[in-house]
Amino acid sequence: MSSLRSLLKFLKKRGGGPPIELPSVSGARLPKRVPKALQMGQLEALLNAPKVEEPTGQRDRALMELIFGAGLRVSEACSLRLAEMDLTTAALRVTGKRGKTRLVPLPALTVPWIEAYLATGRLALVKKPTDLVFINEHGQPMSRSLAYRIFEKHAKAAGIAVHVGPHVLRHTYAVQLLKGGADLRAVQELLGHASISTTQVYTQLDLEEVQRKYKAAHPRK
C-alpha cells in the first residue's frame, strides 16, 4: 500500500498518472504475536541435552543457562565480556538496544554452569586472547547464527517438536517471573524493554494459561 501511494504520487507529479484519488487507508498491521514459552519439563530437557564432558557442550549449557537465567537477547549473550560478569555477587552488566546498560541478577543454579565453562570448556576453545565469554570452535566470537544452530541441535536432541531459538528462553524467563509474582515494571527493567507495552504481551500469555486451568477445573465448565 505504501508503494502504491508512492507510485501514484510520483505519477501525479509527472502529470501522467490515472485520474484517481490516492488511497487513504492506513497501513495494514499484523496482529501482535503472543510469544512462545517452554513448559518446565521441556526447559529441563533442553538444558540437559548438551554433552557437558566436552568443551562445546559446556559452552552450550552455559549459554542456554545464561539466556534463561538472565533473560538475555541472543546478541547480548554473544557480545558479553568477562569484565561484565561478577559471579561473586551473581550479577551481569548488560548492554542492550540503543546502548542502554542494565544490571541483571543471576540465579544460584546458573552460576556453577558458567563457572565450570570458564574454568575448563572456554580454556579449551580459546586460541588467542579474547575477553568475550562465548566463542566458537575456532576461538572466534560466537555469531548469532551459531547460537541459533546450537539451540536447534539441542532442542532436536531433547525431543522438542516446536521450534526453539534463544528468544524462546527469554520468553520463558519473563513468563516464569510473572507467574512467580514479579512486578511488571521490574520485569520490564530486567528484559531491557523501552516500553511497558512490550512487556505486557507476557501477561497475556500467562492469562491464557490461567484461563485453560480455570476451564479444566471449574465444575460448570
N, C-alpha and C. Protein backbone atom coordinates (compact mmCIF):
# COMPACT_ATOMS: atom_id res chain seq x y z
N MET A 1 0.82 -1.21 0.00
CA MET A 1 0.00 0.00 0.00
C MET A 1 0.86 1.26 0.00
N SER A 2 1.96 1.20 0.78
CA SER A 2 2.88 2.33 0.81
C SER A 2 3.51 2.53 -0.56
N SER A 3 3.90 1.42 -1.20
CA SER A 3 4.50 1.51 -2.53
C SER A 3 3.51 2.07 -3.55
N LEU A 4 2.24 1.65 -3.43
CA LEU A 4 1.21 2.13 -4.35
C LEU A 4 1.00 3.63 -4.20
N ARG A 5 0.94 4.11 -2.95
CA ARG A 5 0.78 5.55 -2.71
C ARG A 5 1.95 6.33 -3.29
N SER A 6 3.18 5.79 -3.08
CA SER A 6 4.37 6.47 -3.61
C SER A 6 4.34 6.54 -5.13
N LEU A 7 3.93 5.44 -5.76
CA LEU A 7 3.85 5.40 -7.22
C LEU A 7 2.84 6.41 -7.75
N LEU A 8 1.65 6.46 -7.13
CA LEU A 8 0.61 7.38 -7.59
C LEU A 8 1.02 8.84 -7.37
N LYS A 9 1.72 9.11 -6.27
CA LYS A 9 2.21 10.47 -6.03
C LYS A 9 3.21 10.86 -7.12
N PHE A 10 4.08 9.94 -7.44
CA PHE A 10 5.09 10.18 -8.48
C PHE A 10 4.42 10.46 -9.83
N LEU A 11 3.43 9.62 -10.19
CA LEU A 11 2.74 9.80 -11.47
C LEU A 11 1.96 11.10 -11.50
N LYS A 12 1.38 11.46 -10.34
CA LYS A 12 0.60 12.69 -10.28
C LYS A 12 1.50 13.91 -10.49
N LYS A 13 2.71 13.87 -9.91
CA LYS A 13 3.66 14.97 -10.10
C LYS A 13 4.09 15.07 -11.55
N ARG A 14 4.23 13.92 -12.20
CA ARG A 14 4.64 13.91 -13.60
C ARG A 14 3.50 14.32 -14.54
N GLY A 15 2.28 14.31 -13.99
CA GLY A 15 1.13 14.69 -14.79
C GLY A 15 0.63 13.60 -15.72
N GLY A 16 1.18 12.38 -15.58
CA GLY A 16 0.76 11.32 -16.48
C GLY A 16 0.03 10.20 -15.79
N GLY A 17 -0.32 10.42 -14.52
CA GLY A 17 -0.98 9.36 -13.77
C GLY A 17 -2.46 9.24 -14.09
N PRO A 18 -3.06 8.15 -13.68
CA PRO A 18 -4.51 7.97 -13.91
C PRO A 18 -5.30 8.95 -13.05
N PRO A 19 -6.44 9.38 -13.50
CA PRO A 19 -7.26 10.35 -12.73
C PRO A 19 -7.99 9.69 -11.56
N ILE A 20 -7.24 9.20 -10.60
CA ILE A 20 -7.85 8.56 -9.42
C ILE A 20 -7.28 9.19 -8.17
N GLU A 21 -8.05 9.07 -7.07
CA GLU A 21 -7.59 9.62 -5.80
C GLU A 21 -6.57 8.67 -5.16
N LEU A 22 -5.66 9.25 -4.39
CA LEU A 22 -4.70 8.42 -3.67
C LEU A 22 -5.43 7.64 -2.58
N PRO A 23 -5.06 6.39 -2.35
CA PRO A 23 -5.72 5.62 -1.29
C PRO A 23 -5.47 6.24 0.07
N SER A 24 -6.51 6.36 0.86
CA SER A 24 -6.38 7.00 2.18
C SER A 24 -6.40 5.98 3.31
N VAL A 25 -6.46 4.69 2.97
CA VAL A 25 -6.50 3.66 4.00
C VAL A 25 -5.16 3.61 4.71
N SER A 26 -5.19 3.48 6.03
CA SER A 26 -3.94 3.41 6.78
C SER A 26 -3.26 2.07 6.51
N GLY A 27 -1.97 2.01 6.81
CA GLY A 27 -1.20 0.80 6.55
C GLY A 27 -1.71 -0.40 7.33
N ALA A 28 -1.68 -1.54 6.69
CA ALA A 28 -2.13 -2.77 7.35
C ALA A 28 -1.10 -3.21 8.38
N ARG A 29 -1.56 -3.63 9.53
CA ARG A 29 -0.66 -4.07 10.59
C ARG A 29 -0.97 -5.52 10.95
N LEU A 30 0.06 -6.31 11.12
CA LEU A 30 -0.14 -7.67 11.58
C LEU A 30 -0.47 -7.66 13.06
N PRO A 31 -1.34 -8.57 13.50
CA PRO A 31 -1.64 -8.62 14.93
C PRO A 31 -0.41 -9.03 15.72
N LYS A 32 -0.31 -8.56 16.99
CA LYS A 32 0.83 -8.92 17.83
C LYS A 32 0.81 -10.42 18.09
N ARG A 33 1.94 -11.06 17.82
CA ARG A 33 2.03 -12.49 18.03
C ARG A 33 2.43 -12.77 19.48
N VAL A 34 1.66 -13.63 20.14
CA VAL A 34 1.97 -13.97 21.51
C VAL A 34 3.22 -14.83 21.54
N PRO A 35 4.23 -14.47 22.34
CA PRO A 35 5.47 -15.23 22.37
C PRO A 35 5.26 -16.67 22.82
N LYS A 36 6.13 -17.54 22.36
CA LYS A 36 6.10 -18.93 22.82
C LYS A 36 6.88 -19.03 24.12
N ALA A 37 6.52 -19.99 24.93
CA ALA A 37 7.28 -20.25 26.15
C ALA A 37 7.30 -21.76 26.36
N LEU A 38 8.42 -22.28 26.85
CA LEU A 38 8.55 -23.71 27.08
C LEU A 38 7.91 -24.09 28.40
N GLN A 39 7.36 -25.29 28.44
CA GLN A 39 6.94 -25.87 29.71
C GLN A 39 8.21 -26.23 30.48
N MET A 40 8.11 -26.34 31.79
CA MET A 40 9.30 -26.58 32.61
C MET A 40 9.96 -27.91 32.27
N GLY A 41 9.17 -28.92 31.92
CA GLY A 41 9.75 -30.20 31.53
C GLY A 41 10.56 -30.08 30.25
N GLN A 42 10.04 -29.31 29.29
CA GLN A 42 10.77 -29.07 28.04
C GLN A 42 12.05 -28.29 28.31
N LEU A 43 11.95 -27.30 29.19
CA LEU A 43 13.13 -26.49 29.52
C LEU A 43 14.23 -27.35 30.12
N GLU A 44 13.88 -28.21 31.07
CA GLU A 44 14.88 -29.07 31.70
C GLU A 44 15.51 -30.01 30.68
N ALA A 45 14.68 -30.56 29.79
CA ALA A 45 15.21 -31.46 28.76
C ALA A 45 16.19 -30.74 27.84
N LEU A 46 15.87 -29.50 27.48
CA LEU A 46 16.74 -28.71 26.63
C LEU A 46 18.07 -28.42 27.32
N LEU A 47 18.00 -27.98 28.58
CA LEU A 47 19.22 -27.63 29.31
C LEU A 47 20.11 -28.84 29.54
N ASN A 48 19.50 -30.02 29.67
CA ASN A 48 20.27 -31.24 29.93
C ASN A 48 20.79 -31.91 28.67
N ALA A 49 20.44 -31.39 27.49
CA ALA A 49 20.81 -32.04 26.24
C ALA A 49 22.31 -31.97 25.91
N PRO A 50 23.02 -30.86 26.15
CA PRO A 50 24.44 -30.80 25.78
C PRO A 50 25.28 -31.83 26.52
N LYS A 51 26.32 -32.35 25.85
CA LYS A 51 27.27 -33.27 26.46
C LYS A 51 28.32 -32.46 27.19
N VAL A 52 28.12 -32.27 28.48
CA VAL A 52 28.94 -31.33 29.24
C VAL A 52 30.34 -31.86 29.54
N GLU A 53 30.64 -33.10 29.12
CA GLU A 53 32.01 -33.59 29.27
C GLU A 53 32.90 -33.06 28.14
N GLU A 54 32.27 -32.41 27.13
CA GLU A 54 33.01 -31.82 26.02
C GLU A 54 33.04 -30.30 26.15
N PRO A 55 34.11 -29.62 25.69
CA PRO A 55 34.19 -28.16 25.80
C PRO A 55 33.00 -27.44 25.15
N THR A 56 32.60 -27.90 23.95
CA THR A 56 31.46 -27.24 23.29
C THR A 56 30.16 -27.50 24.04
N GLY A 57 30.06 -28.66 24.66
CA GLY A 57 28.86 -28.96 25.46
C GLY A 57 28.77 -28.09 26.69
N GLN A 58 29.93 -27.86 27.33
CA GLN A 58 29.96 -26.94 28.48
C GLN A 58 29.56 -25.54 28.05
N ARG A 59 30.08 -25.13 26.91
CA ARG A 59 29.74 -23.79 26.39
C ARG A 59 28.25 -23.69 26.09
N ASP A 60 27.70 -24.70 25.43
CA ASP A 60 26.28 -24.67 25.04
C ASP A 60 25.39 -24.65 26.28
N ARG A 61 25.73 -25.45 27.28
CA ARG A 61 24.93 -25.47 28.51
C ARG A 61 25.01 -24.11 29.21
N ALA A 62 26.22 -23.54 29.29
CA ALA A 62 26.38 -22.23 29.93
C ALA A 62 25.62 -21.15 29.17
N LEU A 63 25.65 -21.21 27.84
CA LEU A 63 24.93 -20.23 27.02
C LEU A 63 23.43 -20.29 27.28
N MET A 64 22.87 -21.50 27.26
CA MET A 64 21.43 -21.64 27.47
C MET A 64 21.04 -21.29 28.90
N GLU A 65 21.87 -21.69 29.86
CA GLU A 65 21.60 -21.34 31.25
C GLU A 65 21.60 -19.83 31.44
N LEU A 66 22.53 -19.16 30.77
CA LEU A 66 22.64 -17.70 30.92
C LEU A 66 21.47 -16.98 30.28
N ILE A 67 21.09 -17.40 29.08
CA ILE A 67 19.98 -16.73 28.39
C ILE A 67 18.68 -16.92 29.17
N PHE A 68 18.46 -18.13 29.70
CA PHE A 68 17.25 -18.34 30.51
C PHE A 68 17.39 -17.69 31.88
N GLY A 69 18.55 -17.84 32.51
CA GLY A 69 18.72 -17.33 33.88
C GLY A 69 18.68 -15.82 33.97
N ALA A 70 19.11 -15.13 32.90
CA ALA A 70 19.15 -13.66 32.92
C ALA A 70 18.22 -13.02 31.92
N GLY A 71 17.53 -13.82 31.11
CA GLY A 71 16.58 -13.26 30.14
C GLY A 71 17.25 -12.44 29.06
N LEU A 72 18.43 -12.85 28.61
CA LEU A 72 19.19 -12.05 27.65
C LEU A 72 18.69 -12.23 26.22
N ARG A 73 18.87 -11.20 25.42
CA ARG A 73 18.74 -11.33 23.97
C ARG A 73 19.97 -12.10 23.47
N VAL A 74 19.83 -12.78 22.32
CA VAL A 74 20.96 -13.55 21.81
C VAL A 74 22.15 -12.65 21.51
N SER A 75 21.91 -11.45 21.00
CA SER A 75 23.02 -10.53 20.70
C SER A 75 23.73 -10.09 21.99
N GLU A 76 22.98 -9.96 23.08
CA GLU A 76 23.57 -9.58 24.36
C GLU A 76 24.46 -10.69 24.89
N ALA A 77 24.02 -11.94 24.73
CA ALA A 77 24.81 -13.07 25.20
C ALA A 77 26.09 -13.22 24.36
N CYS A 78 25.96 -13.08 23.04
CA CYS A 78 27.12 -13.25 22.16
C CYS A 78 28.17 -12.16 22.36
N SER A 79 27.75 -10.98 22.76
CA SER A 79 28.70 -9.86 22.93
C SER A 79 29.14 -9.67 24.38
N LEU A 80 28.68 -10.55 25.28
CA LEU A 80 29.02 -10.41 26.70
C LEU A 80 30.52 -10.60 26.92
N ARG A 81 31.09 -9.74 27.76
CA ARG A 81 32.53 -9.79 28.03
C ARG A 81 32.79 -10.19 29.49
N LEU A 82 33.95 -10.74 29.72
CA LEU A 82 34.28 -11.27 31.05
C LEU A 82 34.14 -10.21 32.13
N ALA A 83 34.56 -8.99 31.83
CA ALA A 83 34.52 -7.92 32.84
C ALA A 83 33.10 -7.51 33.20
N GLU A 84 32.14 -7.91 32.38
CA GLU A 84 30.74 -7.55 32.64
C GLU A 84 30.03 -8.57 33.52
N MET A 85 30.74 -9.63 33.90
CA MET A 85 30.18 -10.64 34.80
C MET A 85 30.85 -10.58 36.15
N ASP A 86 30.05 -10.62 37.20
CA ASP A 86 30.59 -10.73 38.55
C ASP A 86 29.91 -11.94 39.18
N LEU A 87 30.59 -13.07 39.12
CA LEU A 87 30.00 -14.31 39.63
C LEU A 87 30.01 -14.36 41.15
N THR A 88 30.82 -13.52 41.78
CA THR A 88 30.82 -13.46 43.25
C THR A 88 29.50 -12.90 43.76
N THR A 89 29.05 -11.84 43.13
CA THR A 89 27.76 -11.24 43.51
C THR A 89 26.62 -11.75 42.64
N ALA A 90 26.93 -12.63 41.68
CA ALA A 90 25.93 -13.23 40.77
C ALA A 90 25.15 -12.14 40.04
N ALA A 91 25.85 -11.32 39.28
CA ALA A 91 25.20 -10.24 38.54
C ALA A 91 25.92 -9.99 37.22
N LEU A 92 25.16 -9.46 36.26
CA LEU A 92 25.70 -9.11 34.95
C LEU A 92 25.45 -7.63 34.69
N ARG A 93 26.35 -7.01 33.96
CA ARG A 93 26.11 -5.68 33.41
C ARG A 93 25.92 -5.86 31.91
N VAL A 94 24.70 -5.66 31.47
CA VAL A 94 24.33 -5.99 30.09
C VAL A 94 24.10 -4.70 29.30
N THR A 95 24.69 -4.64 28.12
CA THR A 95 24.45 -3.52 27.21
C THR A 95 23.48 -3.98 26.14
N GLY A 96 22.28 -3.39 26.14
CA GLY A 96 21.23 -3.81 25.23
C GLY A 96 21.05 -2.87 24.06
N LYS A 97 19.81 -2.79 23.59
CA LYS A 97 19.50 -1.95 22.43
C LYS A 97 19.76 -0.48 22.74
N ARG A 98 20.19 0.23 21.71
CA ARG A 98 20.48 1.66 21.81
C ARG A 98 21.53 1.96 22.90
N GLY A 99 22.38 0.97 23.18
CA GLY A 99 23.47 1.17 24.12
C GLY A 99 23.04 1.30 25.57
N LYS A 100 21.80 0.93 25.88
CA LYS A 100 21.29 1.06 27.24
C LYS A 100 21.85 -0.07 28.11
N THR A 101 22.40 0.30 29.27
CA THR A 101 23.00 -0.68 30.18
C THR A 101 22.06 -0.98 31.34
N ARG A 102 22.00 -2.25 31.70
CA ARG A 102 21.18 -2.65 32.84
C ARG A 102 21.92 -3.71 33.66
N LEU A 103 21.60 -3.79 34.94
CA LEU A 103 22.16 -4.82 35.82
C LEU A 103 21.14 -5.94 35.97
N VAL A 104 21.58 -7.17 35.80
CA VAL A 104 20.68 -8.32 35.87
C VAL A 104 21.25 -9.34 36.84
N PRO A 105 20.45 -9.79 37.81
CA PRO A 105 20.93 -10.83 38.74
C PRO A 105 20.94 -12.20 38.07
N LEU A 106 21.82 -13.07 38.55
CA LEU A 106 21.89 -14.44 38.05
C LEU A 106 21.35 -15.40 39.11
N PRO A 107 20.54 -16.37 38.71
CA PRO A 107 20.06 -17.37 39.67
C PRO A 107 21.21 -18.22 40.20
N ALA A 108 21.04 -18.74 41.41
CA ALA A 108 22.09 -19.55 42.04
C ALA A 108 22.40 -20.80 41.22
N LEU A 109 21.41 -21.37 40.54
CA LEU A 109 21.63 -22.60 39.77
C LEU A 109 22.38 -22.33 38.45
N THR A 110 22.38 -21.09 38.01
CA THR A 110 23.05 -20.74 36.75
C THR A 110 24.55 -20.55 36.94
N VAL A 111 24.94 -19.97 38.04
CA VAL A 111 26.34 -19.59 38.28
C VAL A 111 27.31 -20.77 38.16
N PRO A 112 27.04 -21.95 38.76
CA PRO A 112 28.02 -23.05 38.64
C PRO A 112 28.28 -23.49 37.21
N TRP A 113 27.27 -23.41 36.33
CA TRP A 113 27.48 -23.81 34.94
C TRP A 113 28.40 -22.83 34.21
N ILE A 114 28.26 -21.56 34.52
CA ILE A 114 29.15 -20.56 33.92
C ILE A 114 30.56 -20.71 34.47
N GLU A 115 30.68 -20.95 35.78
CA GLU A 115 32.00 -21.13 36.39
C GLU A 115 32.71 -22.35 35.78
N ALA A 116 31.97 -23.44 35.59
CA ALA A 116 32.57 -24.66 35.02
C ALA A 116 33.04 -24.42 33.59
N TYR A 117 32.23 -23.70 32.82
CA TYR A 117 32.61 -23.39 31.43
C TYR A 117 33.85 -22.51 31.40
N LEU A 118 33.91 -21.49 32.23
CA LEU A 118 35.06 -20.58 32.24
C LEU A 118 36.33 -21.30 32.70
N ALA A 119 36.18 -22.25 33.62
CA ALA A 119 37.34 -22.93 34.19
C ALA A 119 37.94 -23.97 33.26
N THR A 120 37.11 -24.62 32.43
CA THR A 120 37.63 -25.70 31.58
C THR A 120 37.24 -25.56 30.11
N GLY A 121 35.95 -25.54 29.82
CA GLY A 121 35.48 -25.54 28.43
C GLY A 121 36.00 -24.36 27.63
N ARG A 122 35.91 -23.17 28.18
CA ARG A 122 36.35 -21.98 27.45
C ARG A 122 37.86 -22.00 27.22
N LEU A 123 38.60 -22.45 28.23
CA LEU A 123 40.05 -22.51 28.09
C LEU A 123 40.47 -23.43 26.95
N ALA A 124 39.69 -24.50 26.73
CA ALA A 124 40.00 -25.44 25.66
C ALA A 124 39.68 -24.85 24.28
N LEU A 125 38.74 -23.92 24.24
CA LEU A 125 38.31 -23.33 22.96
C LEU A 125 39.14 -22.11 22.56
N VAL A 126 39.70 -21.43 23.53
CA VAL A 126 40.44 -20.19 23.25
C VAL A 126 41.71 -20.48 22.44
N LYS A 127 41.88 -19.76 21.34
CA LYS A 127 43.08 -19.90 20.51
C LYS A 127 43.99 -18.67 20.65
N LYS A 128 43.40 -17.52 20.90
CA LYS A 128 44.17 -16.31 21.14
C LYS A 128 43.41 -15.47 22.16
N PRO A 129 44.09 -14.55 22.85
CA PRO A 129 43.45 -13.79 23.92
C PRO A 129 42.18 -13.08 23.45
N THR A 130 41.12 -13.23 24.21
CA THR A 130 39.85 -12.54 23.96
C THR A 130 39.11 -12.39 25.27
N ASP A 131 38.37 -11.32 25.41
CA ASP A 131 37.60 -11.12 26.63
C ASP A 131 36.12 -11.47 26.44
N LEU A 132 35.77 -12.01 25.28
CA LEU A 132 34.39 -12.45 25.07
C LEU A 132 34.14 -13.73 25.85
N VAL A 133 32.97 -13.84 26.42
CA VAL A 133 32.62 -15.03 27.20
C VAL A 133 32.42 -16.23 26.29
N PHE A 134 31.64 -16.05 25.22
CA PHE A 134 31.29 -17.18 24.35
C PHE A 134 32.03 -17.09 23.02
N ILE A 135 32.68 -18.19 22.67
CA ILE A 135 33.45 -18.26 21.43
C ILE A 135 33.11 -19.56 20.70
N ASN A 136 33.45 -19.60 19.41
CA ASN A 136 33.15 -20.80 18.64
C ASN A 136 34.31 -21.80 18.72
N GLU A 137 34.22 -22.88 17.94
CA GLU A 137 35.20 -23.95 17.99
C GLU A 137 36.58 -23.50 17.51
N HIS A 138 36.63 -22.39 16.79
CA HIS A 138 37.91 -21.87 16.26
C HIS A 138 38.46 -20.73 17.11
N GLY A 139 37.86 -20.50 18.25
CA GLY A 139 38.32 -19.43 19.12
C GLY A 139 37.88 -18.05 18.70
N GLN A 140 36.96 -17.99 17.72
CA GLN A 140 36.44 -16.71 17.22
C GLN A 140 35.17 -16.33 17.98
N PRO A 141 34.74 -15.05 17.90
CA PRO A 141 33.49 -14.65 18.56
C PRO A 141 32.30 -15.50 18.08
N MET A 142 31.44 -15.85 19.00
CA MET A 142 30.25 -16.61 18.63
C MET A 142 29.28 -15.71 17.88
N SER A 143 28.78 -16.19 16.74
CA SER A 143 27.81 -15.43 15.95
C SER A 143 26.39 -15.78 16.38
N ARG A 144 25.46 -14.91 16.02
CA ARG A 144 24.05 -15.19 16.29
C ARG A 144 23.60 -16.47 15.60
N SER A 145 24.07 -16.67 14.36
CA SER A 145 23.65 -17.85 13.61
C SER A 145 24.13 -19.13 14.29
N LEU A 146 25.33 -19.12 14.86
CA LEU A 146 25.81 -20.29 15.59
C LEU A 146 24.95 -20.53 16.83
N ALA A 147 24.60 -19.46 17.53
CA ALA A 147 23.74 -19.61 18.72
C ALA A 147 22.41 -20.26 18.35
N TYR A 148 21.82 -19.84 17.23
CA TYR A 148 20.57 -20.44 16.79
C TYR A 148 20.76 -21.91 16.44
N ARG A 149 21.88 -22.26 15.80
CA ARG A 149 22.14 -23.66 15.45
C ARG A 149 22.32 -24.51 16.70
N ILE A 150 22.94 -23.94 17.71
CA ILE A 150 23.12 -24.64 18.99
C ILE A 150 21.76 -24.99 19.60
N PHE A 151 20.86 -24.02 19.59
CA PHE A 151 19.54 -24.26 20.15
C PHE A 151 18.78 -25.30 19.35
N GLU A 152 18.84 -25.21 18.03
CA GLU A 152 18.15 -26.17 17.18
C GLU A 152 18.67 -27.59 17.41
N LYS A 153 19.98 -27.71 17.52
CA LYS A 153 20.60 -29.02 17.74
C LYS A 153 20.12 -29.65 19.04
N HIS A 154 20.14 -28.89 20.11
CA HIS A 154 19.80 -29.46 21.41
C HIS A 154 18.29 -29.62 21.60
N ALA A 155 17.51 -28.79 20.96
CA ALA A 155 16.05 -28.97 21.00
C ALA A 155 15.68 -30.27 20.31
N LYS A 156 16.33 -30.57 19.21
CA LYS A 156 16.08 -31.83 18.49
C LYS A 156 16.50 -33.01 19.35
N ALA A 157 17.67 -32.90 19.99
CA ALA A 157 18.14 -33.98 20.85
C ALA A 157 17.23 -34.19 22.05
N ALA A 158 16.60 -33.11 22.51
CA ALA A 158 15.69 -33.19 23.66
C ALA A 158 14.29 -33.66 23.27
N GLY A 159 14.06 -33.83 21.97
CA GLY A 159 12.75 -34.30 21.51
C GLY A 159 11.67 -33.24 21.55
N ILE A 160 12.07 -31.97 21.46
CA ILE A 160 11.08 -30.88 21.47
C ILE A 160 10.67 -30.61 20.03
N ALA A 161 9.39 -30.79 19.76
CA ALA A 161 8.90 -30.71 18.38
C ALA A 161 8.82 -29.28 17.86
N VAL A 162 8.50 -28.32 18.74
CA VAL A 162 8.34 -26.93 18.29
C VAL A 162 9.70 -26.29 18.07
N HIS A 163 9.72 -25.23 17.25
CA HIS A 163 10.96 -24.50 17.01
C HIS A 163 11.41 -23.82 18.30
N VAL A 164 12.67 -23.99 18.64
CA VAL A 164 13.22 -23.38 19.85
C VAL A 164 14.46 -22.59 19.47
N GLY A 165 14.40 -21.28 19.67
CA GLY A 165 15.54 -20.41 19.47
C GLY A 165 15.86 -19.70 20.78
N PRO A 166 16.93 -18.93 20.81
CA PRO A 166 17.30 -18.22 22.04
C PRO A 166 16.18 -17.36 22.61
N HIS A 167 15.37 -16.75 21.72
CA HIS A 167 14.32 -15.85 22.22
C HIS A 167 13.23 -16.61 22.97
N VAL A 168 13.07 -17.90 22.67
CA VAL A 168 12.08 -18.70 23.38
C VAL A 168 12.45 -18.80 24.87
N LEU A 169 13.75 -18.92 25.16
CA LEU A 169 14.16 -18.97 26.56
C LEU A 169 13.97 -17.62 27.23
N ARG A 170 14.16 -16.54 26.50
CA ARG A 170 13.91 -15.20 27.04
C ARG A 170 12.42 -15.05 27.37
N HIS A 171 11.56 -15.55 26.48
CA HIS A 171 10.12 -15.52 26.73
C HIS A 171 9.78 -16.35 27.97
N THR A 172 10.39 -17.53 28.05
CA THR A 172 10.12 -18.42 29.18
C THR A 172 10.54 -17.76 30.49
N TYR A 173 11.66 -17.09 30.47
CA TYR A 173 12.16 -16.35 31.64
C TYR A 173 11.11 -15.32 32.10
N ALA A 174 10.60 -14.54 31.16
CA ALA A 174 9.64 -13.50 31.50
C ALA A 174 8.35 -14.09 32.05
N VAL A 175 7.86 -15.14 31.42
CA VAL A 175 6.61 -15.76 31.85
C VAL A 175 6.76 -16.35 33.25
N GLN A 176 7.88 -17.02 33.50
CA GLN A 176 8.08 -17.62 34.82
C GLN A 176 8.19 -16.56 35.92
N LEU A 177 8.82 -15.43 35.61
CA LEU A 177 8.89 -14.34 36.59
C LEU A 177 7.51 -13.82 36.93
N LEU A 178 6.68 -13.62 35.91
CA LEU A 178 5.33 -13.09 36.14
C LEU A 178 4.46 -14.10 36.88
N LYS A 179 4.63 -15.38 36.54
CA LYS A 179 3.90 -16.42 37.27
C LYS A 179 4.28 -16.44 38.74
N GLY A 180 5.55 -16.14 39.00
CA GLY A 180 6.03 -16.14 40.37
C GLY A 180 5.67 -14.89 41.15
N GLY A 181 4.98 -13.96 40.50
CA GLY A 181 4.52 -12.76 41.19
C GLY A 181 5.39 -11.54 41.02
N ALA A 182 6.34 -11.58 40.08
CA ALA A 182 7.21 -10.41 39.87
C ALA A 182 6.41 -9.23 39.33
N ASP A 183 6.81 -8.04 39.73
CA ASP A 183 6.16 -6.81 39.28
C ASP A 183 6.46 -6.59 37.80
N LEU A 184 5.46 -6.14 37.05
CA LEU A 184 5.61 -5.94 35.61
C LEU A 184 6.72 -4.94 35.29
N ARG A 185 6.83 -3.87 36.09
CA ARG A 185 7.87 -2.87 35.86
C ARG A 185 9.26 -3.46 36.09
N ALA A 186 9.36 -4.33 37.09
CA ALA A 186 10.65 -4.97 37.36
C ALA A 186 11.05 -5.88 36.20
N VAL A 187 10.08 -6.61 35.66
CA VAL A 187 10.36 -7.48 34.52
C VAL A 187 10.76 -6.65 33.30
N GLN A 188 10.12 -5.50 33.13
CA GLN A 188 10.48 -4.60 32.04
C GLN A 188 11.94 -4.19 32.15
N GLU A 189 12.39 -3.84 33.36
CA GLU A 189 13.78 -3.44 33.57
C GLU A 189 14.74 -4.59 33.31
N LEU A 190 14.38 -5.78 33.80
CA LEU A 190 15.25 -6.95 33.64
C LEU A 190 15.41 -7.32 32.17
N LEU A 191 14.34 -7.17 31.38
CA LEU A 191 14.39 -7.52 29.97
C LEU A 191 15.01 -6.41 29.12
N GLY A 192 15.07 -5.20 29.67
CA GLY A 192 15.61 -4.08 28.90
C GLY A 192 14.63 -3.55 27.88
N HIS A 193 13.33 -3.68 28.15
CA HIS A 193 12.31 -3.14 27.25
C HIS A 193 12.18 -1.64 27.43
N ALA A 194 12.11 -0.92 26.32
CA ALA A 194 11.93 0.53 26.40
C ALA A 194 10.50 0.89 26.79
N SER A 195 9.54 0.06 26.38
CA SER A 195 8.14 0.34 26.64
C SER A 195 7.49 -0.77 27.46
N ILE A 196 6.64 -0.39 28.40
CA ILE A 196 5.93 -1.37 29.23
C ILE A 196 4.96 -2.19 28.39
N SER A 197 4.49 -1.64 27.27
CA SER A 197 3.54 -2.36 26.42
C SER A 197 4.18 -3.61 25.83
N THR A 198 5.48 -3.58 25.59
CA THR A 198 6.18 -4.76 25.08
C THR A 198 6.17 -5.87 26.13
N THR A 199 6.37 -5.50 27.38
CA THR A 199 6.39 -6.49 28.47
C THR A 199 5.00 -7.04 28.74
N GLN A 200 3.97 -6.24 28.50
CA GLN A 200 2.61 -6.66 28.79
C GLN A 200 2.16 -7.84 27.94
N VAL A 201 2.84 -8.08 26.82
CA VAL A 201 2.49 -9.23 25.98
C VAL A 201 2.63 -10.52 26.80
N TYR A 202 3.58 -10.57 27.72
CA TYR A 202 3.80 -11.78 28.51
C TYR A 202 2.66 -12.01 29.50
N THR A 203 2.01 -10.95 29.94
CA THR A 203 0.88 -11.13 30.85
C THR A 203 -0.27 -11.78 30.12
N GLN A 204 -0.41 -11.49 28.83
CA GLN A 204 -1.46 -12.11 28.02
C GLN A 204 -1.21 -13.62 27.93
N LEU A 205 0.05 -14.01 27.75
CA LEU A 205 0.39 -15.42 27.68
C LEU A 205 0.06 -16.11 28.99
N ASP A 206 0.39 -15.47 30.11
CA ASP A 206 0.12 -16.04 31.41
C ASP A 206 -1.38 -16.16 31.65
N LEU A 207 -2.14 -15.15 31.22
CA LEU A 207 -3.58 -15.16 31.40
C LEU A 207 -4.22 -16.31 30.64
N GLU A 208 -3.72 -16.61 29.45
CA GLU A 208 -4.26 -17.71 28.67
C GLU A 208 -4.10 -19.03 29.40
N GLU A 209 -2.97 -19.22 30.07
CA GLU A 209 -2.76 -20.45 30.82
C GLU A 209 -3.70 -20.52 32.02
N VAL A 210 -3.87 -19.38 32.69
CA VAL A 210 -4.81 -19.34 33.81
C VAL A 210 -6.21 -19.71 33.36
N GLN A 211 -6.63 -19.18 32.20
CA GLN A 211 -7.96 -19.48 31.68
C GLN A 211 -8.11 -20.96 31.35
N ARG A 212 -7.07 -21.57 30.79
CA ARG A 212 -7.13 -23.00 30.48
C ARG A 212 -7.31 -23.82 31.74
N LYS A 213 -6.52 -23.49 32.76
CA LYS A 213 -6.62 -24.23 34.02
C LYS A 213 -7.99 -24.02 34.67
N TYR A 214 -8.51 -22.79 34.56
CA TYR A 214 -9.80 -22.49 35.14
C TYR A 214 -10.91 -23.32 34.48
N LYS A 215 -10.87 -23.36 33.14
CA LYS A 215 -11.88 -24.10 32.40
C LYS A 215 -11.80 -25.61 32.68
N ALA A 216 -10.57 -26.10 32.88
CA ALA A 216 -10.39 -27.52 33.15
C ALA A 216 -10.85 -27.89 34.55
N ALA A 217 -10.75 -26.94 35.49
CA ALA A 217 -11.05 -27.26 36.87
C ALA A 217 -12.44 -26.86 37.33
N HIS A 218 -13.07 -25.89 36.66
CA HIS A 218 -14.36 -25.38 37.12
C HIS A 218 -15.46 -26.41 36.93
N PRO A 219 -16.29 -26.65 37.96
CA PRO A 219 -17.35 -27.68 37.86
C PRO A 219 -18.42 -27.36 36.83
N ARG A 220 -18.57 -26.09 36.45
CA ARG A 220 -19.61 -25.72 35.49
C ARG A 220 -19.00 -25.30 34.16
N LYS A 221 -17.86 -25.92 33.82
CA LYS A 221 -17.18 -25.57 32.57
C LYS A 221 -18.02 -26.00 31.36
